[in-house]
Amino acid sequence: MSMRAPAVHGSATAKMSASVVYLMIAIPLLTVEQGAEGRLATAMRTSGTTESGRGLAIQTSPIGKRYLTYDGAPLFAFGPGDEARLLSGTADLERWAAWQRAHGMNLVRAYAMSVPAQTWGDATPGCDPFLQSDGKWDVDGWNDDYFDHLRRVAHYLEKHNIILHLQLWQICSFKNGSDRWDANFLNPANNVNQWTRVFNSGQDYIDAPPESYARRHQREWVRRILDAVNGRGNVIIDVINELGNQMGTLEWAREVVTWIREWECENDWTFIVGVDSEKHYAPGRFEPYQDVLDIIILNELRSRSHAISTIERLKMPAVSVRSSDGTNRREDVLFADSSQTGPEHQTRYRTLCYRSMFSGLQSVGAYWKMPTTDYERMDLWNDSARALRAFWNLISPHWPELVIDDAVVVEPVAPHAYAMRSPKLSAVYLECGSHTWANDYPESTLVLCSLYPSFRVTLFDTKTGASTPLASQSHGGLVRVNLPSFTDDVALLLVPTE
């Protein structure tokens, strides 16, 4: 596999060291470990490093594992975010960011709007990317106020250590529907621009011929977004969500990435770039295009085996987009409306986050489409989120050398058992599975493979973050752990003592 040359930007003299000191991101209300050293190989790709040395990067560990870092430490990003309203000015950015930070979260998946901010019935006046003329949109009239707002949002999120997973297009806005293509700026019924008159559907814009005016318009759209987030080290660029869902091809995505790389050369700045897809990561489909992309972006964690095999095959870091624990059915989705925020959905998102982590993913997106629902009503999730951050802080220094190995669990006591191992720490996660909650498991004996000559076992409560030492017995290459009763899910940490 060929590889683009390593890039480090920001300061002309900035360099990546082969040895990195892990500095855990300070999260309010959490105990944060500092100063744990880990050996790293050279950086494969770095998002533009700010003057303070901050930014997303891709590192390669001594065992060949490629993974995302932020501020030099392995990244795990998660949390619900108002994907459209935050970028259109109709959401309370400061309040939402404070909620995320107070509970250990650090992620929003968002996209530049292709329909007016008022389409979804928001009472708050928003900001749109195009100007109006004679009561219609002028899609050649770029609204600088919108891109200035995007610039301010990206900067504010960076100051709060929140990752912005930024999708250049939302494919749903180009599908048929009253709040989709019918409302889209590019729909010829909604604008004054003659060149759009050839569009009978949103697909005609996305799949426009290479030399068409529409392609040139797409390129200008991309460049204006990049200009707005220039200098921000917290941004992941995602070409489009759900590539290939009625429109969009890998060939088109590759052309979009060439526009991004051209912009990077002109502006002495780099971004981590990928494209949200599912079917394109099947064996043999993505490989011809992976040279120009930096990460795998799965639309959702449809199966652990698919995620694990894709990461192993492509040797790239991976993230996901959707908060769904199935196959894109309505009942799989979490936090899309107020009916999907109850305790069972909060439990399902918690298990999805751990399941994703134990599949090798480093970012787990989540919907939040409600303009008025109070975040603080998610009291179970608030506790779970703080616990999840605490768990990540415990395993993060070992992430470069953690290898997924479910065979560590010989006799599980829950329907699903996952494991990761490394020379200095191993982790086990037991869970009820997707689409289920309020499952009680009695006291039991968990049987594991013996990984270290001597070790200590700690039970980690995924709801509270509390850690409790556990008794264990070793014999004949096996370890028997005395496990207390638990509900839905629990994690264990094994640390060698010699």
Protein backbone atom coordinates (compact mmCIF):
# COMPACT_ATOMS: atom_id res chain seq x y z
CA MET A 1 0.00 0.00 0.00
CA SER A 2 1.43 3.37 -0.95
CA MET A 3 1.23 6.19 1.56
CA ARG A 4 1.08 9.95 1.31
CA ALA A 5 4.07 11.64 2.85
CA PRO A 6 3.78 12.55 6.54
CA ALA A 7 2.60 16.10 7.04
CA VAL A 8 3.00 18.39 10.00
CA HIS A 9 1.67 21.91 9.70
CA GLY A 10 0.90 24.97 11.76
CA SER A 11 4.38 26.24 12.58
CA ALA A 12 6.96 25.86 9.85
CA THR A 13 9.37 24.38 12.39
CA ALA A 14 6.91 21.99 14.03
CA LYS A 15 8.06 18.39 14.20
CA MET A 16 6.58 15.18 15.60
CA SER A 17 8.72 13.38 18.15
CA ALA A 18 9.09 9.61 18.06
CA SER A 19 8.49 9.59 21.79
CA VAL A 20 5.32 11.19 23.07
CA VAL A 21 4.31 11.98 26.63
CA TYR A 22 0.61 11.29 27.07
CA LEU A 23 -1.26 14.26 28.51
CA MET A 24 -4.86 13.31 29.18
CA ILE A 25 -7.41 15.97 28.26
CA ALA A 26 -8.62 17.62 31.45
CA ILE A 27 -12.28 16.71 31.97
CA PRO A 28 -14.21 18.45 34.77
CA LEU A 29 -15.40 16.12 37.53
CA LEU A 30 -13.04 13.35 36.46
CA THR A 31 -9.71 12.13 37.74
CA VAL A 32 -7.26 12.50 34.86
CA GLU A 33 -4.02 10.58 34.64
CA GLN A 34 -0.96 12.49 33.52
CA GLY A 35 2.62 11.71 32.72
CA ALA A 36 2.31 8.08 31.57
CA GLU A 37 4.86 7.62 28.82
CA GLY A 38 4.37 5.48 25.73
CA ARG A 39 6.67 4.70 22.83
CA LEU A 40 5.33 5.69 19.43
CA ALA A 41 6.63 5.38 15.93
CA THR A 42 6.60 8.35 13.57
CA ALA A 43 3.36 10.16 12.78
CA MET A 44 1.64 8.97 9.60
CA ARG A 45 -0.56 12.03 9.24
CA THR A 46 -1.20 15.10 11.36
CA SER A 47 -4.04 17.56 11.33
CA GLY A 48 -2.77 21.10 11.38
CA THR A 49 -1.02 21.70 14.67
CA THR A 50 -1.93 24.99 16.31
CA GLU A 51 0.58 27.37 17.86
CA SER A 52 0.08 25.58 21.19
CA GLY A 53 0.92 22.21 19.61
CA ARG A 54 -2.65 20.92 19.78
CA GLY A 55 -4.44 18.97 17.10
CA LEU A 56 -5.64 15.66 15.74
CA ALA A 57 -3.02 13.28 14.43
CA ILE A 58 -2.59 9.69 13.29
CA GLN A 59 0.19 7.77 15.00
CA THR A 60 1.64 4.31 14.44
CA SER A 61 2.63 2.19 17.44
CA PRO A 62 5.56 -0.25 17.63
CA ILE A 63 3.16 -3.12 16.83
CA GLY A 64 1.98 -1.36 13.65
CA LYS A 65 -1.37 -0.19 15.03
CA ARG A 66 -2.51 3.13 13.56
CA TYR A 67 -4.68 5.27 15.78
CA LEU A 68 -5.99 8.79 16.29
CA THR A 69 -4.52 11.13 18.88
CA TYR A 70 -5.53 14.55 20.14
CA ASP A 71 -3.02 16.77 21.91
CA GLY A 72 -0.61 13.83 21.72
CA ALA A 73 -2.85 11.36 23.58
CA PRO A 74 -4.97 8.54 22.10
CA LEU A 75 -8.42 9.87 21.28
CA PHE A 76 -11.82 8.53 22.23
CA ALA A 77 -14.65 10.87 21.23
CA PHE A 78 -18.34 10.40 21.99
CA GLY A 79 -21.51 12.27 22.82
CA PRO A 80 -24.84 13.45 21.38
CA GLY A 81 -24.76 16.65 19.38
CA ASP A 82 -27.31 18.81 17.56
CA GLU A 83 -25.89 18.03 14.17
CA ALA A 84 -27.63 20.72 12.09
CA ARG A 85 -28.64 23.48 14.47
CA LEU A 86 -25.19 24.05 15.95
CA LEU A 87 -23.86 25.08 12.54
CA SER A 88 -26.89 27.14 11.55
CA GLY A 89 -27.02 29.27 14.67
CA THR A 90 -30.35 27.96 15.99
CA ALA A 91 -28.92 26.00 18.95
CA ASP A 92 -27.41 27.23 22.21
CA LEU A 93 -23.79 26.31 21.53
CA GLU A 94 -22.44 27.45 24.89
CA ARG A 95 -25.01 25.51 26.92
CA TRP A 96 -24.61 22.34 24.87
CA ALA A 97 -20.79 22.49 25.06
CA ALA A 98 -20.93 23.04 28.83
CA TRP A 99 -23.18 19.97 29.18
CA GLN A 100 -20.79 17.83 27.14
CA ARG A 101 -17.71 18.98 28.99
CA ALA A 102 -19.28 18.60 32.45
CA HIS A 103 -19.96 14.93 31.74
CA GLY A 104 -16.78 13.90 29.93
CA MET A 105 -18.06 14.09 26.36
CA ASN A 106 -16.13 15.62 23.46
CA LEU A 107 -17.84 15.14 20.09
CA VAL A 108 -20.36 16.59 17.67
CA ARG A 109 -21.06 15.22 14.22
CA ALA A 110 -22.39 18.12 12.16
CA TYR A 111 -22.81 19.17 8.56
CA ALA A 112 -23.01 22.36 6.56
CA MET A 113 -26.68 22.97 5.77
CA SER A 114 -28.14 22.46 2.30
CA VAL A 115 -31.66 23.44 3.42
CA PRO A 116 -32.71 26.65 5.23
CA ALA A 117 -32.33 26.72 8.99
CA GLN A 118 -36.07 27.27 9.38
CA THR A 119 -36.99 24.09 7.49
CA TRP A 120 -37.31 22.06 10.68
CA GLY A 121 -39.57 24.60 12.36
CA ASP A 122 -36.93 26.31 14.52
CA ALA A 123 -38.21 29.45 16.15
CA THR A 124 -34.74 30.96 16.46
CA PRO A 125 -33.61 32.80 13.33
CA GLY A 126 -30.66 30.98 11.85
CA CYS A 127 -27.92 31.68 9.37
CA ASP A 128 -27.88 30.25 5.85
CA PRO A 129 -24.91 29.81 3.50
CA PHE A 130 -26.48 31.70 0.58
CA LEU A 131 -27.99 35.14 0.07
CA GLN A 132 -31.48 35.82 -1.25
CA SER A 133 -32.60 37.65 -4.36
CA ASP A 134 -36.19 38.51 -5.22
CA GLY A 135 -37.48 36.21 -2.49
CA LYS A 136 -35.45 33.21 -3.65
CA TRP A 137 -31.98 31.89 -2.98
CA ASP A 138 -28.96 32.92 -5.01
CA VAL A 139 -26.67 29.90 -4.77
CA ASP A 140 -23.86 31.89 -6.35
CA GLY A 141 -24.26 34.52 -3.65
CA TRP A 142 -22.25 33.23 -0.73
CA ASN A 143 -23.26 34.51 2.70
CA ASP A 144 -20.05 35.41 4.52
CA ASP A 145 -21.97 35.62 7.81
CA TYR A 146 -22.71 31.88 7.65
CA PHE A 147 -19.08 30.90 7.15
CA ASP A 148 -18.01 33.35 9.85
CA HIS A 149 -20.46 31.59 12.17
CA LEU A 150 -18.98 28.22 11.21
CA ARG A 151 -15.53 29.63 11.99
CA ARG A 152 -16.65 30.77 15.44
CA VAL A 153 -18.31 27.42 16.22
CA ALA A 154 -15.21 25.41 15.26
CA HIS A 155 -13.00 27.71 17.33
CA TYR A 156 -15.31 27.55 20.36
CA LEU A 157 -15.43 23.76 20.21
CA GLU A 158 -11.66 23.57 19.97
CA LYS A 159 -11.27 25.74 23.07
CA HIS A 160 -13.42 23.17 24.90
CA ASN A 161 -11.55 20.13 23.48
CA ILE A 162 -14.62 19.00 21.52
CA ILE A 163 -14.05 17.20 18.22
CA LEU A 164 -16.03 18.51 15.25
CA HIS A 165 -16.77 15.65 12.85
CA LEU A 166 -17.67 17.91 9.94
CA GLN A 167 -19.54 16.46 6.96
CA LEU A 168 -19.35 18.60 3.85
CA TRP A 169 -22.77 17.44 2.67
CA GLN A 170 -25.77 15.78 4.28
CA ILE A 171 -27.00 13.33 1.67
CA CYS A 172 -30.54 13.32 3.08
CA SER A 173 -30.95 16.95 2.01
CA PHE A 174 -30.65 15.74 -1.59
CA LYS A 175 -33.24 12.97 -1.30
CA ASN A 176 -36.93 13.47 -2.00
CA GLY A 177 -38.98 14.99 0.80
CA SER A 178 -40.59 18.20 1.99
CA ASP A 179 -37.73 19.00 4.35
CA ARG A 180 -35.13 17.58 1.98
CA TRP A 181 -34.82 18.23 -1.76
CA ASP A 182 -38.07 20.19 -1.82
CA ALA A 183 -36.45 22.73 0.54
CA ASN A 184 -32.88 22.46 -0.79
CA PHE A 185 -31.13 25.64 -1.89
CA LEU A 186 -30.05 23.87 -5.10
CA ASN A 187 -33.59 22.90 -6.10
CA PRO A 188 -34.34 25.11 -9.13
CA ALA A 189 -37.76 25.91 -7.67
CA ASN A 190 -36.05 27.65 -4.77
CA ASN A 191 -33.35 29.74 -6.46
CA VAL A 192 -32.76 32.30 -9.19
CA ASN A 193 -29.81 30.52 -10.81
CA GLN A 194 -30.31 29.32 -14.37
CA TRP A 195 -27.62 26.64 -14.18
CA THR A 196 -29.71 24.67 -11.64
CA ARG A 197 -32.64 24.30 -14.09
CA VAL A 198 -31.25 20.98 -15.32
CA PHE A 199 -31.74 19.37 -11.88
CA ASN A 200 -34.75 17.08 -11.66
CA SER A 201 -33.54 15.72 -8.33
CA GLY A 202 -30.84 16.23 -5.73
CA GLN A 203 -28.89 13.37 -7.26
CA ASP A 204 -28.40 15.47 -10.39
CA TYR A 205 -26.34 17.91 -8.33
CA ILE A 206 -24.26 15.38 -6.37
CA ASP A 207 -23.63 13.22 -9.45
CA ALA A 208 -23.13 16.12 -11.86
CA PRO A 209 -20.62 15.53 -14.69
CA PRO A 210 -16.96 16.27 -13.86
CA GLU A 211 -16.67 19.37 -16.07
CA SER A 212 -20.05 20.84 -15.20
CA TYR A 213 -20.78 24.13 -13.48
CA ALA A 214 -22.27 22.10 -10.61
CA ARG A 215 -18.88 20.46 -9.97
CA ARG A 216 -17.23 23.87 -9.90
CA HIS A 217 -19.91 24.99 -7.45
CA GLN A 218 -19.18 21.94 -5.25
CA ARG A 219 -15.49 22.80 -5.26
CA GLU A 220 -16.20 26.37 -4.17
CA TRP A 221 -18.50 25.07 -1.40
CA VAL A 222 -15.71 22.83 -0.11
CA ARG A 223 -13.11 25.57 -0.21
CA ARG A 224 -15.31 28.04 1.67
CA ILE A 225 -15.94 25.48 4.42
CA LEU A 226 -12.22 24.74 4.66
CA ASP A 227 -11.47 28.45 4.83
CA ALA A 228 -13.89 28.70 7.76
CA VAL A 229 -12.21 25.94 9.78
CA ASN A 230 -8.66 26.78 8.77
CA GLY A 231 -6.38 26.64 11.81
CA ARG A 232 -8.63 24.38 13.84
CA GLY A 233 -6.90 21.22 15.02
CA ASN A 234 -10.13 19.60 16.29
CA VAL A 235 -11.83 19.05 12.91
CA ILE A 236 -12.30 15.75 11.09
CA ILE A 237 -13.43 16.31 7.50
CA ASP A 238 -16.00 13.79 6.22
CA VAL A 239 -16.84 14.14 2.52
CA ILE A 240 -20.52 13.18 2.85
CA ASN A 241 -22.69 11.04 5.06
CA GLU A 242 -23.91 7.71 3.69
CA LEU A 243 -21.94 7.81 0.46
CA GLY A 244 -23.72 5.73 -2.17
CA ASN A 245 -27.16 5.95 -0.57
CA GLN A 246 -28.96 6.79 -3.85
CA MET A 247 -26.07 9.03 -4.97
CA GLY A 248 -22.35 9.66 -4.71
CA THR A 249 -19.50 7.37 -5.72
CA LEU A 250 -15.99 6.70 -4.48
CA GLU A 251 -14.68 8.27 -7.69
CA TRP A 252 -16.56 11.48 -6.86
CA ALA A 253 -15.38 11.35 -3.23
CA ARG A 254 -11.80 11.02 -4.43
CA GLU A 255 -12.20 14.14 -6.58
CA VAL A 256 -13.54 16.04 -3.58
CA VAL A 257 -10.49 14.94 -1.59
CA THR A 258 -8.20 16.26 -4.35
CA TRP A 259 -9.84 19.68 -3.84
CA ILE A 260 -9.12 19.36 -0.12
CA ARG A 261 -5.48 18.42 -0.71
CA GLU A 262 -5.06 21.33 -3.13
CA TRP A 263 -6.44 23.69 -0.51
CA GLU A 264 -4.08 22.20 2.10
CA CYS A 265 -1.04 22.87 -0.08
CA GLU A 266 -2.15 26.46 -0.62
CA ASN A 267 -2.86 27.11 3.06
CA ASP A 268 -0.08 25.13 4.82
CA TRP A 269 -2.65 23.22 6.87
CA THR A 270 -3.87 19.64 6.89
CA PHE A 271 -7.01 17.84 7.99
CA ILE A 272 -7.79 14.25 8.84
CA VAL A 273 -10.11 13.23 5.97
CA GLY A 274 -12.46 10.29 5.41
CA VAL A 275 -15.84 9.45 3.93
CA ASP A 276 -18.86 8.00 5.72
CA SER A 277 -19.91 4.77 4.09
CA GLU A 278 -20.76 1.19 4.88
CA LYS A 279 -20.90 -0.89 1.72
CA HIS A 280 -17.75 0.67 0.27
CA TYR A 281 -15.63 -0.92 3.00
CA ALA A 282 -16.34 -4.41 1.70
CA PRO A 283 -13.13 -6.26 0.71
CA GLY A 284 -11.69 -5.01 -2.56
CA ARG A 285 -13.88 -1.93 -2.94
CA PHE A 286 -12.13 0.69 -0.83
CA GLU A 287 -8.50 -0.32 -1.36
CA PRO A 288 -8.03 1.55 -4.70
CA TYR A 289 -9.05 4.80 -2.96
CA GLN A 290 -7.48 4.55 0.47
CA ASP A 291 -4.27 6.31 -0.53
CA VAL A 292 -6.01 9.68 -0.52
CA LEU A 293 -8.02 9.12 2.69
CA ASP A 294 -6.80 8.98 6.26
CA ILE A 295 -9.45 7.17 8.28
CA ILE A 296 -12.29 4.67 8.03
CA ILE A 297 -15.69 6.24 8.74
CA LEU A 298 -18.37 3.63 9.34
CA ASN A 299 -21.93 4.91 9.18
CA GLU A 300 -22.76 2.71 12.18
CA LEU A 301 -21.39 -0.30 14.04
CA ARG A 302 -23.49 -2.89 12.25
CA SER A 303 -21.29 -5.69 13.52
CA ARG A 304 -18.08 -5.96 15.50
CA SER A 305 -16.64 -8.50 13.11
CA HIS A 306 -17.12 -6.14 10.17
CA ALA A 307 -15.46 -3.25 12.01
CA ILE A 308 -12.57 -5.34 13.33
CA SER A 309 -11.84 -6.97 9.97
CA THR A 310 -12.06 -3.64 8.11
CA ILE A 311 -9.57 -1.96 10.47
CA GLU A 312 -7.22 -4.93 10.26
CA ARG A 313 -7.43 -5.13 6.46
CA LEU A 314 -7.00 -1.43 5.72
CA LYS A 315 -4.59 -0.60 8.59
CA MET A 316 -6.35 2.71 9.25
CA PRO A 317 -7.96 4.30 12.32
CA ALA A 318 -11.75 4.10 12.41
CA VAL A 319 -14.68 6.13 13.72
CA SER A 320 -18.47 5.87 13.39
CA VAL A 321 -21.25 8.39 12.74
CA ARG A 322 -24.64 7.21 13.92
CA SER A 323 -26.09 6.37 17.32
CA SER A 324 -27.82 3.20 16.19
CA ASP A 325 -27.29 -0.34 17.39
CA GLY A 326 -28.68 -2.22 14.42
CA THR A 327 -29.04 -1.83 10.67
CA ASN A 328 -30.51 1.63 10.14
CA ARG A 329 -34.08 0.76 11.10
CA ARG A 330 -36.10 3.31 13.01
CA GLU A 331 -36.04 1.22 16.18
CA ASP A 332 -32.23 1.06 15.99
CA VAL A 333 -31.77 4.82 16.26
CA LEU A 334 -31.01 6.63 19.52
CA PHE A 335 -31.71 10.30 20.37
CA ALA A 336 -33.41 11.22 17.09
CA ASP A 337 -36.49 12.53 18.89
CA SER A 338 -37.86 12.88 22.42
CA SER A 339 -39.29 9.33 22.36
CA GLN A 340 -35.76 7.95 22.03
CA THR A 341 -34.16 9.55 25.08
CA GLY A 342 -35.53 7.32 27.85
CA PRO A 343 -33.47 5.19 30.24
CA GLU A 344 -33.42 2.25 27.83
CA HIS A 345 -31.97 4.39 25.04
CA GLN A 346 -29.35 5.85 27.35
CA THR A 347 -28.35 2.30 28.35
CA ARG A 348 -28.18 1.28 24.70
CA TYR A 349 -25.89 4.20 23.85
CA ARG A 350 -23.60 3.31 26.76
CA THR A 351 -23.27 -0.30 25.62
CA LEU A 352 -22.83 0.88 22.01
CA CYS A 353 -19.91 3.11 23.08
CA TYR A 354 -18.12 0.30 24.93
CA ARG A 355 -18.90 -2.17 22.15
CA SER A 356 -17.43 0.29 19.65
CA MET A 357 -14.30 0.84 21.75
CA PHE A 358 -13.80 -2.91 22.02
CA SER A 359 -14.13 -3.06 18.21
CA GLY A 360 -11.27 -0.61 17.71
CA LEU A 361 -13.36 2.51 16.96
CA GLN A 362 -12.18 5.81 18.41
CA SER A 363 -15.26 7.98 17.94
CA VAL A 364 -18.94 7.14 18.38
CA GLY A 365 -21.37 9.71 17.04
CA ALA A 366 -24.88 10.28 18.29
CA TYR A 367 -27.97 12.05 17.06
CA TRP A 368 -29.64 14.90 18.86
CA LYS A 369 -32.42 16.26 16.67
CA MET A 370 -34.64 17.82 19.35
CA PRO A 371 -34.58 21.63 19.57
CA THR A 372 -36.13 21.85 23.05
CA THR A 373 -35.53 18.59 24.95
CA ASP A 374 -33.43 19.29 28.03
CA TYR A 375 -30.05 17.54 28.03
CA GLU A 376 -30.11 17.33 31.82
CA ARG A 377 -33.06 14.94 31.72
CA MET A 378 -30.60 12.32 30.52
CA ASP A 379 -29.51 11.71 34.10
CA LEU A 380 -28.50 8.08 33.55
CA TRP A 381 -26.41 8.98 30.54
CA ASN A 382 -24.70 11.84 32.37
CA ASP A 383 -23.36 9.37 34.96
CA SER A 384 -22.52 6.78 32.31
CA ALA A 385 -20.68 9.37 30.22
CA ARG A 386 -18.46 10.40 33.12
CA ALA A 387 -17.77 6.74 33.85
CA LEU A 388 -16.95 6.05 30.20
CA ARG A 389 -14.44 8.90 30.18
CA ALA A 390 -12.88 7.57 33.39
CA PHE A 391 -12.59 4.10 31.84
CA TRP A 392 -10.93 5.53 28.74
CA ASN A 393 -8.48 7.47 30.93
CA LEU A 394 -7.46 4.17 32.53
CA ILE A 395 -6.80 2.31 29.27
CA SER A 396 -5.74 5.20 27.02
CA PRO A 397 -1.99 5.03 27.75
CA HIS A 398 -2.09 1.38 26.64
CA TRP A 399 -4.24 1.92 23.53
CA PRO A 400 -1.27 1.90 21.11
CA GLU A 401 -0.53 -1.73 22.04
CA LEU A 402 -4.00 -3.03 22.96
CA VAL A 403 -5.04 -5.86 20.65
CA ILE A 404 -8.61 -7.14 20.37
CA ASP A 405 -8.66 -10.76 21.47
CA ASP A 406 -12.06 -12.09 22.56
CA ALA A 407 -10.52 -15.53 23.10
CA VAL A 408 -9.22 -14.19 26.41
CA VAL A 409 -12.72 -14.89 27.78
CA VAL A 410 -13.07 -18.68 28.12
CA GLU A 411 -16.40 -18.89 29.95
CA PRO A 412 -18.47 -15.70 29.69
CA VAL A 413 -21.28 -14.98 32.12
CA ALA A 414 -23.18 -12.56 29.85
CA PRO A 415 -24.50 -12.94 26.28
CA HIS A 416 -21.57 -10.97 24.89
CA ALA A 417 -17.96 -10.80 26.07
CA TYR A 418 -15.12 -8.83 24.47
CA ALA A 419 -11.47 -8.45 25.40
CA MET A 420 -8.36 -6.42 24.60
CA ARG A 421 -4.86 -7.30 25.80
CA SER A 422 -1.47 -5.63 25.96
CA PRO A 423 1.78 -6.28 27.86
CA LYS A 424 0.86 -3.91 30.70
CA LEU A 425 -2.96 -3.96 30.82
CA SER A 426 -5.88 -6.03 29.54
CA ALA A 427 -9.58 -5.21 29.57
CA VAL A 428 -12.75 -7.28 29.41
CA TYR A 429 -16.27 -6.04 28.71
CA LEU A 430 -19.40 -8.07 29.44
CA GLU A 431 -22.73 -6.84 28.08
CA CYS A 432 -26.34 -7.73 27.46
CA GLY A 433 -26.26 -6.77 23.76
CA SER A 434 -28.17 -4.29 21.61
CA HIS A 435 -31.90 -3.62 21.87
CA THR A 436 -32.08 -4.82 25.47
CA TRP A 437 -31.73 -3.36 28.97
CA ALA A 438 -32.53 -4.00 32.65
CA ASN A 439 -30.90 -7.44 32.51
CA ASP A 440 -29.72 -8.74 35.88
CA TYR A 441 -26.85 -11.23 36.13
CA PRO A 442 -26.20 -13.09 39.42
CA GLU A 443 -22.91 -13.67 41.19
CA SER A 444 -20.76 -15.96 39.06
CA THR A 445 -17.29 -17.13 38.14
CA LEU A 446 -15.76 -15.62 35.04
CA VAL A 447 -13.09 -17.81 33.44
CA LEU A 448 -10.29 -16.10 31.52
CA CYS A 449 -7.02 -17.11 29.92
CA SER A 450 -4.03 -16.41 32.12
CA LEU A 451 -2.18 -13.46 30.57
CA TYR A 452 0.39 -12.55 33.23
CA PRO A 453 2.42 -14.51 35.84
CA SER A 454 0.90 -12.34 38.57
CA PHE A 455 -1.74 -9.64 38.32
CA ARG A 456 -4.57 -7.81 40.00
CA VAL A 457 -8.17 -7.73 38.78
CA THR A 458 -10.39 -4.67 39.14
CA LEU A 459 -14.12 -4.46 38.51
CA PHE A 460 -15.14 -1.22 36.76
CA ASP A 461 -18.74 -0.05 37.18
CA THR A 462 -19.85 1.38 33.82
CA LYS A 463 -22.69 3.33 35.45
CA THR A 464 -20.72 5.10 38.20
CA GLY A 465 -17.03 4.76 37.36
CA ALA A 466 -16.29 3.08 40.68
CA SER A 467 -13.48 0.51 40.78
CA THR A 468 -13.48 -2.52 43.09
CA PRO A 469 -10.71 -5.12 43.55
CA LEU A 470 -11.81 -8.69 42.77
CA ALA A 471 -10.51 -11.99 44.03
CA SER A 472 -9.25 -14.50 41.49
CA GLN A 473 -7.58 -17.92 41.35
CA SER A 474 -5.10 -19.10 38.73
CA HIS A 475 -4.54 -22.73 37.75
CA GLY A 476 -3.65 -24.60 34.61
CA GLY A 477 -3.41 -21.52 32.40
CA LEU A 478 -6.84 -20.26 33.44
CA VAL A 479 -7.99 -17.50 35.76
CA ARG A 480 -11.25 -17.73 37.69
CA VAL A 481 -12.60 -14.36 38.77
CA ASN A 482 -15.26 -14.09 41.47
CA LEU A 483 -17.73 -11.74 39.83
CA PRO A 484 -20.50 -10.00 41.80
CA SER A 485 -24.01 -9.54 40.41
CA PHE A 486 -24.46 -6.71 37.89
CA THR A 487 -27.06 -5.20 35.57
CA ASP A 488 -26.65 -5.00 31.78
CA ASP A 489 -22.88 -4.52 31.55
CA VAL A 490 -19.63 -4.34 33.46
CA ALA A 491 -15.90 -4.05 32.67
CA LEU A 492 -12.78 -5.60 34.19
CA LEU A 493 -9.16 -4.51 34.12
CA LEU A 494 -6.23 -6.89 34.55
CA VAL A 495 -2.88 -5.33 35.39
CA PRO A 496 0.35 -7.34 35.85
CA THR A 497 2.08 -6.90 39.21
CA GLU A 498 5.58 -7.93 38.10
